[in-house]
Amino acid sequence: MTNYKHMNVDMSTVYQIPQVNINLEDVNHAANCLNNVIVHTPLEYSERLSEQYKATIYIKREDLQRCRSFKVRGAYNRIISLSKEERQNGIVCASAGNHAQGVAYSCASLHLKGTIFMPVSTPLQKIDRVKKFGGSYIEIVTIGDTYDDAANAAKEYCAAKGAAYIHPFDDYQVICGQATIAQEIYGDLGDKLQMVVLAIGGGGLASGVSSYLKQKNSAIEIIGVEPLGAAGMSQSIQQGQVTSLESIDTFIDGAAVKLVGSNTFEICKNNLADTLLIPEGKVCTTMIELYQNDGIIAEPAGALSISALDMLKDKIAGKVVVCILSGGNNDILRYPEVMERSLVYNGRKHYLIIEFNQKPGQLRKFVNDALGPNDDIVRFEYMKKTNKESGAALVGIELGDKDNFMPLIERMTETGINFRVLSSKELLYNYII
C-alpha cells in the first residue's frame, strides 16, 4: 500500500499531475479495512427504467449503506489511516450531512473524539442522525450558510487545536474509500459495464469511481451530474481551473459546494466523458417517481444520477448503465417543498398577482370565467388593498395539465383581469417556494 500518512497537505505534493489515477492496490487495502464496517450494497436491475430508456439499467443502492450514504466509506478509510498520535488530537470535519454521519459513525466505532461543523441550513433530520451515530464521541457546531462556510470554520479550529481534518472529498484516502463502490460494481458486472452515471458535489465519488473503472476498462464512460444551482465542477472544467461559484442553491444539500477539490478536479477533467446540469425541480420529480414507482426514498443528491437519464436517453440506448443512488437521508418535512418544486418545474403550478375589484362576486367571476375545469386555486392571500375599489392578491394555481396555462392567460386577458405572472427570478417568488 502506498503510504499517505500526512494528508492534511495539498495532494499535489503526493500526485505527480497529470498522473491523476489512484493506486488500485490502495483501493483493495481500503476495501479490506472496510470489510466489517460497510455493506456490499445491492446493484438492482431496474425494469421500469430499462424499459423506459431501452437500456439495461442498474441502480447502485448506496441509500442502503450504513448511514444511508456512500460517505462512510471514505470517512472511515481516512480516519483508520491516521497515526495513534493524530487520533489523540481529535477528529474534525465539515459537512452538510452525509460525510458528517460517516465521520460520526467512524469516531464512535473507533472510540475517538470528533467535532463536526455543519451549515445552519442542514436539514434537522441529518443533524439528528449525526448525533445518533456519534453519540457521546462527537460535538456538533452549526455555523454559516453553506458547506464552504462550515469548512472554513473547521479548518480554523484544526489550526488552533492541532486536530486531524477529515476532508469530505479532496483527500487521497477518502477518494480510495469511495472507489470501493466502483470495485463492487465492477466485481458484479465486469466488462459488461459500459457507463456509470453519478452525482458530483466536491468530486470525491466521481474521482474514486472514475479512476478505478478507467484503469479496469478505459472504454467505460463516466458521466458526472451536478445541480443546476451548484455547478462547481462543470464551471471549473469549462474554465480550465478550479473556479469558486459566487452563490449556490443549497436545496440539493449533498451536492451544494461552491469550490470543488483541486485534485478531484484534475481527476474528473481527465476521466469524465461529460458533466450534466440538472434543474432542482427535475430532481424533485425523480425523487417522487422513485418513491411512487419503486418504493425508494432518495435524498435530492441521491436522485441526481437518475434525473440525468432523460438527457442521456439517445446515448444509453442498448447499453449497460449503472446509476449510483448516492444517499437516502431525506427529511420527511422537506416533501412539501419537493412536491412544490416538482409541480413548478413541470409547468403545473404558477403564482400570479391579481388585482380584484373590492365588491361581491369578484372571486367567483374569476373562477367561473377564467379558471379551467381541471385547475385549482391552492393559495390565495391579499397582498395589499391599494384603495377601497381594488386590492392585489397573491394567487397560486395548480393546473390539471401544463398545457392549460396559456388558455388560462388568454381567458384572464379577455375577461379584463389585471394580473402579473410571477417570475422565478423575483425575490417574492423565492420566498413563496
Protein backbone atom coordinates (compact mmCIF):
# COMPACT_ATOMS: atom_id res chain seq x y z
CA MET A 1 0.00 0.00 0.00
CA THR A 2 1.21 3.49 -0.78
CA ASN A 3 1.94 5.42 2.42
CA TYR A 4 -0.06 8.65 2.55
CA LYS A 5 0.16 9.35 6.25
CA HIS A 6 0.06 13.13 6.36
CA MET A 7 -2.82 14.05 4.08
CA ASN A 8 -3.76 17.45 5.50
CA VAL A 9 -1.31 18.88 2.96
CA ASP A 10 -2.20 19.76 -0.63
CA MET A 11 -2.46 16.48 -2.50
CA SER A 12 -0.42 17.96 -5.36
CA THR A 13 2.59 17.13 -3.17
CA VAL A 14 1.56 13.48 -3.46
CA TYR A 15 0.26 13.34 -7.04
CA GLN A 16 2.55 14.00 -9.94
CA ILE A 17 -0.02 15.73 -12.14
CA PRO A 18 -1.10 14.84 -14.82
CA GLN A 19 -0.83 11.34 -13.32
CA VAL A 20 -4.23 11.56 -11.69
CA ASN A 21 -5.35 7.99 -11.13
CA ILE A 22 -5.30 6.40 -7.70
CA ASN A 23 -3.40 3.20 -6.98
CA LEU A 24 -5.66 0.15 -7.28
CA GLU A 25 -3.71 -1.59 -4.52
CA ASP A 26 -4.78 1.23 -2.20
CA VAL A 27 -8.41 0.65 -3.16
CA ASN A 28 -8.01 -3.04 -2.35
CA HIS A 29 -6.49 -2.08 1.01
CA ALA A 30 -9.41 0.29 1.66
CA ALA A 31 -11.86 -2.50 0.86
CA ASN A 32 -10.13 -4.76 3.37
CA CYS A 33 -10.26 -2.04 6.04
CA LEU A 34 -13.95 -1.52 5.34
CA ASN A 35 -14.80 -5.21 5.18
CA ASN A 36 -16.58 -5.38 8.55
CA VAL A 37 -17.63 -1.72 8.59
CA ILE A 38 -19.77 -1.26 5.48
CA VAL A 39 -22.13 -3.46 3.50
CA HIS A 40 -21.73 -4.51 -0.12
CA THR A 41 -24.78 -2.61 -1.38
CA PRO A 42 -27.15 -4.16 -3.93
CA LEU A 43 -26.81 -3.50 -7.63
CA GLU A 44 -30.50 -3.62 -8.53
CA TYR A 45 -31.77 -4.10 -12.05
CA SER A 46 -34.49 -1.53 -12.76
CA GLU A 47 -37.11 -3.00 -15.07
CA ARG A 48 -39.01 0.31 -15.17
CA LEU A 49 -36.04 2.45 -16.16
CA SER A 50 -34.67 -0.18 -18.54
CA GLU A 51 -37.96 -0.31 -20.45
CA GLN A 52 -38.33 3.47 -20.39
CA TYR A 53 -34.85 4.15 -21.81
CA LYS A 54 -34.38 0.96 -23.87
CA ALA A 55 -31.22 0.11 -21.98
CA THR A 56 -30.07 -2.25 -19.23
CA ILE A 57 -30.10 -0.01 -16.18
CA TYR A 58 -28.94 -0.91 -12.70
CA ILE A 59 -29.18 1.21 -9.56
CA LYS A 60 -26.31 1.00 -7.08
CA ARG A 61 -28.22 1.32 -3.80
CA GLU A 62 -25.89 3.33 -1.57
CA ASP A 63 -29.04 4.56 0.21
CA LEU A 64 -28.95 1.10 1.84
CA GLN A 65 -25.39 1.64 3.07
CA ARG A 66 -24.64 2.18 6.76
CA CYS A 67 -25.57 5.79 7.50
CA ARG A 68 -27.69 5.64 4.28
CA SER A 69 -24.89 7.08 2.16
CA PHE A 70 -21.60 6.17 0.47
CA LYS A 71 -19.76 8.77 2.56
CA VAL A 72 -18.94 6.36 5.39
CA ARG A 73 -16.56 4.54 3.03
CA GLY A 74 -14.20 7.47 2.56
CA ALA A 75 -14.56 8.83 6.09
CA TYR A 76 -13.66 5.55 7.81
CA ASN A 77 -10.81 4.79 5.41
CA ARG A 78 -9.28 8.21 6.07
CA ILE A 79 -9.62 8.00 9.86
CA ILE A 80 -8.28 4.45 10.10
CA SER A 81 -5.17 5.62 8.22
CA LEU A 82 -4.31 8.20 10.92
CA SER A 83 -1.45 7.53 13.30
CA LYS A 84 -2.09 6.99 17.00
CA GLU A 85 -0.78 10.48 17.74
CA GLU A 86 -3.04 12.07 15.13
CA ARG A 87 -6.08 10.31 16.51
CA GLN A 88 -5.37 11.53 20.04
CA ASN A 89 -5.59 15.17 18.92
CA GLY A 90 -9.19 14.68 17.83
CA ILE A 91 -11.10 14.34 14.56
CA VAL A 92 -12.69 17.32 12.78
CA CYS A 93 -14.82 17.58 9.65
CA ALA A 94 -17.21 19.92 7.88
CA SER A 95 -20.27 18.55 6.15
CA ALA A 96 -23.82 19.27 5.06
CA GLY A 97 -24.84 15.89 6.47
CA ASN A 98 -23.70 12.61 4.93
CA HIS A 99 -19.95 12.98 5.43
CA ALA A 100 -20.71 14.12 8.97
CA GLN A 101 -22.67 10.92 9.59
CA GLY A 102 -19.82 8.84 8.19
CA VAL A 103 -17.29 10.61 10.41
CA ALA A 104 -19.57 10.34 13.46
CA TYR A 105 -20.09 6.61 12.86
CA SER A 106 -16.34 6.11 12.41
CA CYS A 107 -15.49 8.06 15.58
CA ALA A 108 -17.92 6.02 17.64
CA SER A 109 -16.67 2.75 16.11
CA LEU A 110 -13.04 3.64 16.83
CA HIS A 111 -13.77 5.38 20.18
CA LEU A 112 -12.36 8.73 19.02
CA LYS A 113 -13.46 12.24 19.92
CA GLY A 114 -14.72 14.30 16.98
CA THR A 115 -16.01 17.82 16.28
CA ILE A 116 -18.32 18.25 13.32
CA PHE A 117 -19.05 21.60 11.69
CA MET A 118 -22.34 21.79 9.76
CA PRO A 119 -24.06 24.63 7.86
CA VAL A 120 -27.04 26.18 9.61
CA SER A 121 -29.13 25.18 6.56
CA THR A 122 -28.50 21.44 7.13
CA PRO A 123 -31.82 19.54 7.43
CA LEU A 124 -32.66 18.67 11.04
CA GLN A 125 -33.02 15.02 10.11
CA LYS A 126 -29.34 14.85 9.15
CA ILE A 127 -28.22 16.65 12.31
CA ASP A 128 -30.23 14.23 14.44
CA ARG A 129 -28.70 11.25 12.66
CA VAL A 130 -25.19 12.62 13.20
CA LYS A 131 -25.99 12.75 16.92
CA LYS A 132 -27.35 9.22 16.77
CA PHE A 133 -24.29 7.74 15.06
CA GLY A 134 -21.70 9.69 17.03
CA GLY A 135 -23.28 9.66 20.46
CA SER A 136 -21.04 10.99 23.21
CA TYR A 137 -17.97 10.84 20.96
CA ILE A 138 -18.88 13.85 18.84
CA GLU A 139 -19.75 17.52 19.23
CA ILE A 140 -21.76 19.36 16.56
CA VAL A 141 -21.14 23.01 15.69
CA THR A 142 -23.62 24.65 13.27
CA ILE A 143 -22.16 27.66 11.52
CA GLY A 144 -22.51 29.53 8.21
CA ASP A 145 -24.97 29.24 5.35
CA THR A 146 -23.07 26.75 3.17
CA TYR A 147 -20.68 23.83 3.40
CA ASP A 148 -17.85 26.17 2.44
CA ASP A 149 -18.58 28.43 5.44
CA ALA A 150 -18.53 25.44 7.76
CA ALA A 151 -15.32 24.13 6.18
CA ASN A 152 -13.51 27.42 6.78
CA ALA A 153 -14.55 27.37 10.44
CA ALA A 154 -13.46 23.72 10.77
CA LYS A 155 -10.02 24.44 9.33
CA GLU A 156 -9.52 27.36 11.72
CA TYR A 157 -10.45 25.06 14.60
CA CYS A 158 -7.95 22.43 13.39
CA ALA A 159 -5.19 25.02 13.20
CA ALA A 160 -5.89 26.10 16.77
CA LYS A 161 -6.29 22.60 18.25
CA GLY A 162 -3.90 20.55 16.13
CA ALA A 163 -6.74 18.17 15.25
CA ALA A 164 -6.93 15.96 12.13
CA TYR A 165 -9.18 17.43 9.44
CA ILE A 166 -11.13 14.78 7.52
CA HIS A 167 -11.85 16.38 4.16
CA PRO A 168 -15.13 15.22 2.59
CA PHE A 169 -13.70 14.83 -0.91
CA ASP A 170 -10.23 16.27 -1.69
CA ASP A 171 -8.23 13.63 0.16
CA TYR A 172 -6.45 10.58 -1.23
CA GLN A 173 -7.67 8.11 1.39
CA VAL A 174 -11.22 9.45 1.15
CA ILE A 175 -11.13 9.02 -2.64
CA CYS A 176 -9.81 5.46 -2.26
CA GLY A 177 -12.67 4.71 0.14
CA GLN A 178 -15.25 5.99 -2.33
CA ALA A 179 -13.56 3.95 -5.07
CA THR A 180 -14.63 0.77 -3.29
CA ILE A 181 -18.07 1.43 -4.79
CA ALA A 182 -16.54 1.02 -8.24
CA GLN A 183 -14.76 -2.12 -7.09
CA GLU A 184 -18.11 -3.62 -6.10
CA ILE A 185 -19.82 -2.54 -9.33
CA TYR A 186 -17.02 -3.92 -11.50
CA GLY A 187 -16.93 -7.10 -9.46
CA ASP A 188 -20.67 -7.57 -10.10
CA LEU A 189 -20.73 -6.66 -13.82
CA GLY A 190 -17.16 -6.85 -15.11
CA ASP A 191 -16.62 -5.70 -18.68
CA LYS A 192 -20.35 -5.84 -19.41
CA LEU A 193 -20.46 -2.41 -17.76
CA GLN A 194 -20.50 0.41 -20.33
CA MET A 195 -21.49 3.54 -18.43
CA VAL A 196 -21.75 4.87 -14.87
CA VAL A 197 -23.81 7.96 -14.01
CA LEU A 198 -23.08 9.61 -10.68
CA ALA A 199 -23.58 12.81 -8.70
CA ILE A 200 -20.85 15.40 -8.20
CA GLY A 201 -20.59 17.67 -5.18
CA GLY A 202 -16.92 18.21 -4.39
CA GLY A 203 -15.88 15.37 -6.66
CA GLY A 204 -14.73 12.62 -4.28
CA LEU A 205 -17.18 9.99 -5.51
CA ALA A 206 -16.60 10.85 -9.17
CA SER A 207 -12.82 10.79 -8.67
CA GLY A 208 -12.75 7.42 -6.94
CA VAL A 209 -15.20 5.67 -9.24
CA SER A 210 -13.80 7.08 -12.49
CA SER A 211 -10.18 6.48 -11.52
CA TYR A 212 -10.82 2.85 -10.59
CA LEU A 213 -13.01 1.96 -13.57
CA LYS A 214 -10.86 3.72 -16.17
CA GLN A 215 -7.91 1.59 -15.07
CA LYS A 216 -10.02 -1.55 -15.27
CA ASN A 217 -11.56 -0.74 -18.65
CA SER A 218 -10.87 2.57 -20.36
CA ALA A 219 -13.95 2.15 -22.57
CA ILE A 220 -16.33 2.63 -19.63
CA GLU A 221 -17.90 6.09 -19.78
CA ILE A 222 -18.34 8.05 -16.56
CA ILE A 223 -20.99 10.79 -16.60
CA GLY A 224 -20.98 13.36 -13.79
CA VAL A 225 -24.21 15.10 -12.77
CA GLU A 226 -24.50 18.37 -10.86
CA PRO A 227 -27.40 20.51 -9.68
CA LEU A 228 -28.04 23.47 -11.96
CA GLY A 229 -27.70 25.73 -8.93
CA ALA A 230 -24.31 24.36 -7.83
CA ALA A 231 -22.33 23.56 -10.95
CA GLY A 232 -18.85 23.84 -9.47
CA MET A 233 -17.17 21.01 -11.40
CA SER A 234 -18.75 21.91 -14.74
CA GLN A 235 -17.73 25.53 -14.32
CA SER A 236 -14.18 24.57 -13.33
CA ILE A 237 -13.75 22.21 -16.28
CA GLN A 238 -15.09 24.88 -18.61
CA GLN A 239 -12.65 27.44 -17.18
CA GLY A 240 -9.73 25.01 -17.15
CA GLN A 241 -9.07 25.58 -13.45
CA VAL A 242 -10.80 25.24 -10.11
CA THR A 243 -13.31 28.08 -10.01
CA SER A 244 -15.31 29.18 -6.98
CA LEU A 245 -19.01 29.87 -7.51
CA GLU A 246 -20.25 33.23 -6.24
CA SER A 247 -23.50 31.74 -4.95
CA ILE A 248 -25.24 28.37 -4.94
CA ASP A 249 -28.71 26.91 -4.46
CA THR A 250 -28.41 24.78 -1.31
CA PHE A 251 -31.58 22.74 -1.88
CA ILE A 252 -29.61 19.72 -3.09
CA ASP A 253 -27.50 19.97 0.02
CA GLY A 254 -25.47 16.81 -0.59
CA ALA A 255 -24.01 18.36 -3.76
CA ALA A 256 -24.11 22.08 -2.90
CA VAL A 257 -20.43 23.01 -2.98
CA LYS A 258 -19.02 26.38 -4.08
CA LEU A 259 -15.47 25.11 -4.58
CA VAL A 260 -14.61 21.60 -5.80
CA GLY A 261 -11.34 19.94 -4.82
CA SER A 262 -8.12 20.82 -6.64
CA ASN A 263 -7.25 17.15 -7.01
CA THR A 264 -10.76 15.87 -7.65
CA PHE A 265 -10.85 18.48 -10.42
CA GLU A 266 -7.70 17.05 -12.01
CA ILE A 267 -9.10 13.52 -11.88
CA CYS A 268 -12.55 14.45 -13.14
CA LYS A 269 -11.40 16.64 -16.03
CA ASN A 270 -9.33 13.71 -17.33
CA ASN A 271 -11.76 10.86 -16.65
CA LEU A 272 -15.31 12.14 -17.10
CA ALA A 273 -16.93 11.76 -20.51
CA ASP A 274 -19.35 14.58 -19.71
CA THR A 275 -20.84 16.66 -16.91
CA LEU A 276 -24.56 17.39 -16.97
CA LEU A 277 -26.54 20.06 -15.13
CA ILE A 278 -29.98 19.12 -13.81
CA PRO A 279 -32.60 21.65 -12.58
CA GLU A 280 -33.56 21.19 -8.95
CA GLY A 281 -37.21 20.77 -9.91
CA LYS A 282 -36.35 17.86 -12.20
CA VAL A 283 -34.53 16.17 -9.31
CA CYS A 284 -37.66 16.60 -7.18
CA THR A 285 -39.75 14.92 -9.88
CA THR A 286 -37.31 12.00 -9.92
CA MET A 287 -37.49 11.69 -6.13
CA ILE A 288 -41.27 11.43 -6.33
CA GLU A 289 -41.12 8.88 -9.16
CA LEU A 290 -38.63 6.72 -7.27
CA TYR A 291 -40.86 6.71 -4.21
CA GLN A 292 -44.14 6.14 -6.02
CA ASN A 293 -42.89 3.54 -8.52
CA ASP A 294 -40.04 1.79 -6.74
CA GLY A 295 -40.54 2.47 -3.04
CA ILE A 296 -37.10 4.13 -2.88
CA ILE A 297 -36.59 7.09 -0.55
CA ALA A 298 -33.82 9.12 -2.18
CA GLU A 299 -32.39 12.37 -0.96
CA PRO A 300 -32.01 15.11 -3.61
CA ALA A 301 -28.32 14.40 -4.29
CA GLY A 302 -29.11 10.68 -4.39
CA ALA A 303 -31.63 11.18 -7.19
CA LEU A 304 -29.28 13.28 -9.36
CA SER A 305 -27.90 10.39 -11.40
CA ILE A 306 -31.32 9.00 -12.29
CA SER A 307 -32.58 12.51 -13.07
CA ALA A 308 -29.99 12.72 -15.85
CA LEU A 309 -31.31 9.74 -17.81
CA ASP A 310 -33.70 11.89 -19.86
CA MET A 311 -30.72 13.90 -21.13
CA LEU A 312 -28.84 10.69 -21.89
CA LYS A 313 -31.65 8.65 -23.49
CA ASP A 314 -30.18 8.72 -27.02
CA LYS A 315 -26.70 7.93 -25.72
CA ILE A 316 -27.59 5.00 -23.45
CA ALA A 317 -29.96 3.04 -25.71
CA GLY A 318 -28.84 -0.59 -25.78
CA LYS A 319 -26.10 -0.07 -23.18
CA VAL A 320 -25.46 -1.47 -19.71
CA VAL A 321 -25.68 1.52 -17.38
CA VAL A 322 -25.27 1.92 -13.61
CA CYS A 323 -26.76 4.90 -11.79
CA ILE A 324 -25.27 5.40 -8.34
CA LEU A 325 -28.01 6.36 -5.92
CA SER A 326 -25.63 8.02 -3.51
CA GLY A 327 -27.84 8.57 -0.46
CA GLY A 328 -31.25 8.29 1.15
CA ASN A 329 -31.12 10.77 4.02
CA ASN A 330 -34.19 12.83 3.25
CA ASP A 331 -36.17 14.64 5.91
CA ILE A 332 -39.90 13.92 5.56
CA LEU A 333 -40.55 17.57 6.44
CA ARG A 334 -38.95 18.55 3.11
CA TYR A 335 -41.52 16.70 0.98
CA PRO A 336 -43.94 19.66 0.68
CA GLU A 337 -41.09 21.66 -0.89
CA VAL A 338 -40.15 18.67 -3.05
CA MET A 339 -43.73 18.47 -4.33
CA GLU A 340 -43.84 22.24 -4.87
CA ARG A 341 -40.61 22.36 -6.86
CA SER A 342 -41.68 19.39 -8.95
CA LEU A 343 -45.03 20.95 -9.86
CA VAL A 344 -43.39 24.26 -10.76
CA TYR A 345 -40.72 22.52 -12.85
CA ASN A 346 -43.36 20.54 -14.74
CA GLY A 347 -45.35 23.69 -15.50
CA ARG A 348 -48.34 22.68 -13.41
CA LYS A 349 -48.06 25.31 -10.69
CA HIS A 350 -47.92 29.07 -11.16
CA TYR A 351 -48.13 32.14 -8.97
CA LEU A 352 -49.78 35.36 -10.05
CA ILE A 353 -50.52 38.78 -8.60
CA ILE A 354 -54.15 39.52 -9.48
CA GLU A 355 -55.99 42.78 -8.85
CA PHE A 356 -59.56 42.22 -7.70
CA ASN A 357 -62.28 44.87 -7.55
CA GLN A 358 -63.49 45.20 -3.98
CA LYS A 359 -67.08 44.20 -4.49
CA PRO A 360 -69.02 40.96 -4.05
CA GLY A 361 -68.65 38.16 -6.62
CA GLN A 362 -65.20 39.02 -7.99
CA LEU A 363 -63.52 35.77 -6.94
CA ARG A 364 -66.50 33.81 -8.23
CA LYS A 365 -66.20 35.66 -11.55
CA PHE A 366 -62.53 34.68 -11.77
CA VAL A 367 -63.32 31.04 -11.02
CA ASN A 368 -66.22 30.88 -13.49
CA ASP A 369 -64.77 32.91 -16.36
CA ALA A 370 -61.02 32.31 -16.20
CA LEU A 371 -60.12 29.18 -14.25
CA GLY A 372 -60.26 25.94 -16.22
CA PRO A 373 -62.41 22.96 -15.11
CA ASN A 374 -59.34 20.91 -14.12
CA ASP A 375 -57.44 23.79 -12.49
CA ASP A 376 -57.44 24.69 -8.82
CA ILE A 377 -56.61 27.64 -6.56
CA VAL A 378 -54.12 26.32 -3.99
CA ARG A 379 -53.12 29.64 -2.44
CA PHE A 380 -54.95 32.95 -2.02
CA GLU A 381 -53.96 35.88 0.12
CA TYR A 382 -54.37 39.63 -0.17
CA MET A 383 -51.04 41.39 -0.51
CA LYS A 384 -52.33 44.95 -0.09
CA LYS A 385 -55.55 46.84 -0.60
CA THR A 386 -54.45 49.86 -2.60
CA ASN A 387 -57.77 51.67 -2.17
CA LYS A 388 -61.41 50.99 -1.46
CA GLU A 389 -62.09 49.91 -5.05
CA SER A 390 -59.35 47.30 -5.63
CA GLY A 391 -56.84 45.03 -3.93
CA ALA A 392 -53.94 42.87 -5.10
CA ALA A 393 -53.89 39.18 -4.16
CA LEU A 394 -51.25 36.50 -4.42
CA VAL A 395 -52.87 33.53 -6.15
CA GLY A 396 -51.29 30.10 -6.56
CA ILE A 397 -52.85 27.96 -9.27
CA GLU A 398 -52.28 24.26 -9.81
CA LEU A 399 -53.18 23.14 -13.33
CA GLY A 400 -54.57 19.78 -14.29
CA ASP A 401 -52.18 19.85 -17.24
CA LYS A 402 -49.27 22.16 -18.06
CA ASP A 403 -50.88 22.93 -21.44
CA ASN A 404 -53.73 24.64 -19.58
CA PHE A 405 -51.54 27.63 -18.74
CA MET A 406 -51.73 29.64 -21.95
CA PRO A 407 -55.53 29.19 -22.29
CA LEU A 408 -55.81 30.43 -18.67
CA ILE A 409 -53.77 33.54 -19.51
CA GLU A 410 -55.86 34.16 -22.61
CA ARG A 411 -59.15 33.90 -20.68
CA MET A 412 -57.88 36.24 -17.98
CA THR A 413 -56.88 38.78 -20.64
CA GLU A 414 -60.20 38.51 -22.43
CA THR A 415 -62.06 38.94 -19.14
CA GLY A 416 -60.19 42.17 -18.46
CA ILE A 417 -58.46 40.94 -15.31
CA ASN A 418 -55.38 42.93 -14.30
CA PHE A 419 -52.66 40.40 -13.42
CA ARG A 420 -48.94 39.63 -13.48
CA VAL A 421 -47.31 36.21 -13.58
CA LEU A 422 -44.51 35.96 -11.02
CA SER A 423 -41.11 35.03 -12.45
CA SER A 424 -38.80 32.61 -10.65
CA LYS A 425 -36.17 35.38 -10.69
CA GLU A 426 -38.24 37.63 -8.44
CA LEU A 427 -37.47 37.87 -4.72
CA LEU A 428 -41.12 37.33 -3.76
CA TYR A 429 -41.22 34.12 -5.79
CA ASN A 430 -38.23 32.73 -3.90
CA TYR A 431 -39.98 33.42 -0.59
CA ILE A 432 -43.06 31.57 -1.81
CA ILE A 433 -41.14 28.48 -2.91
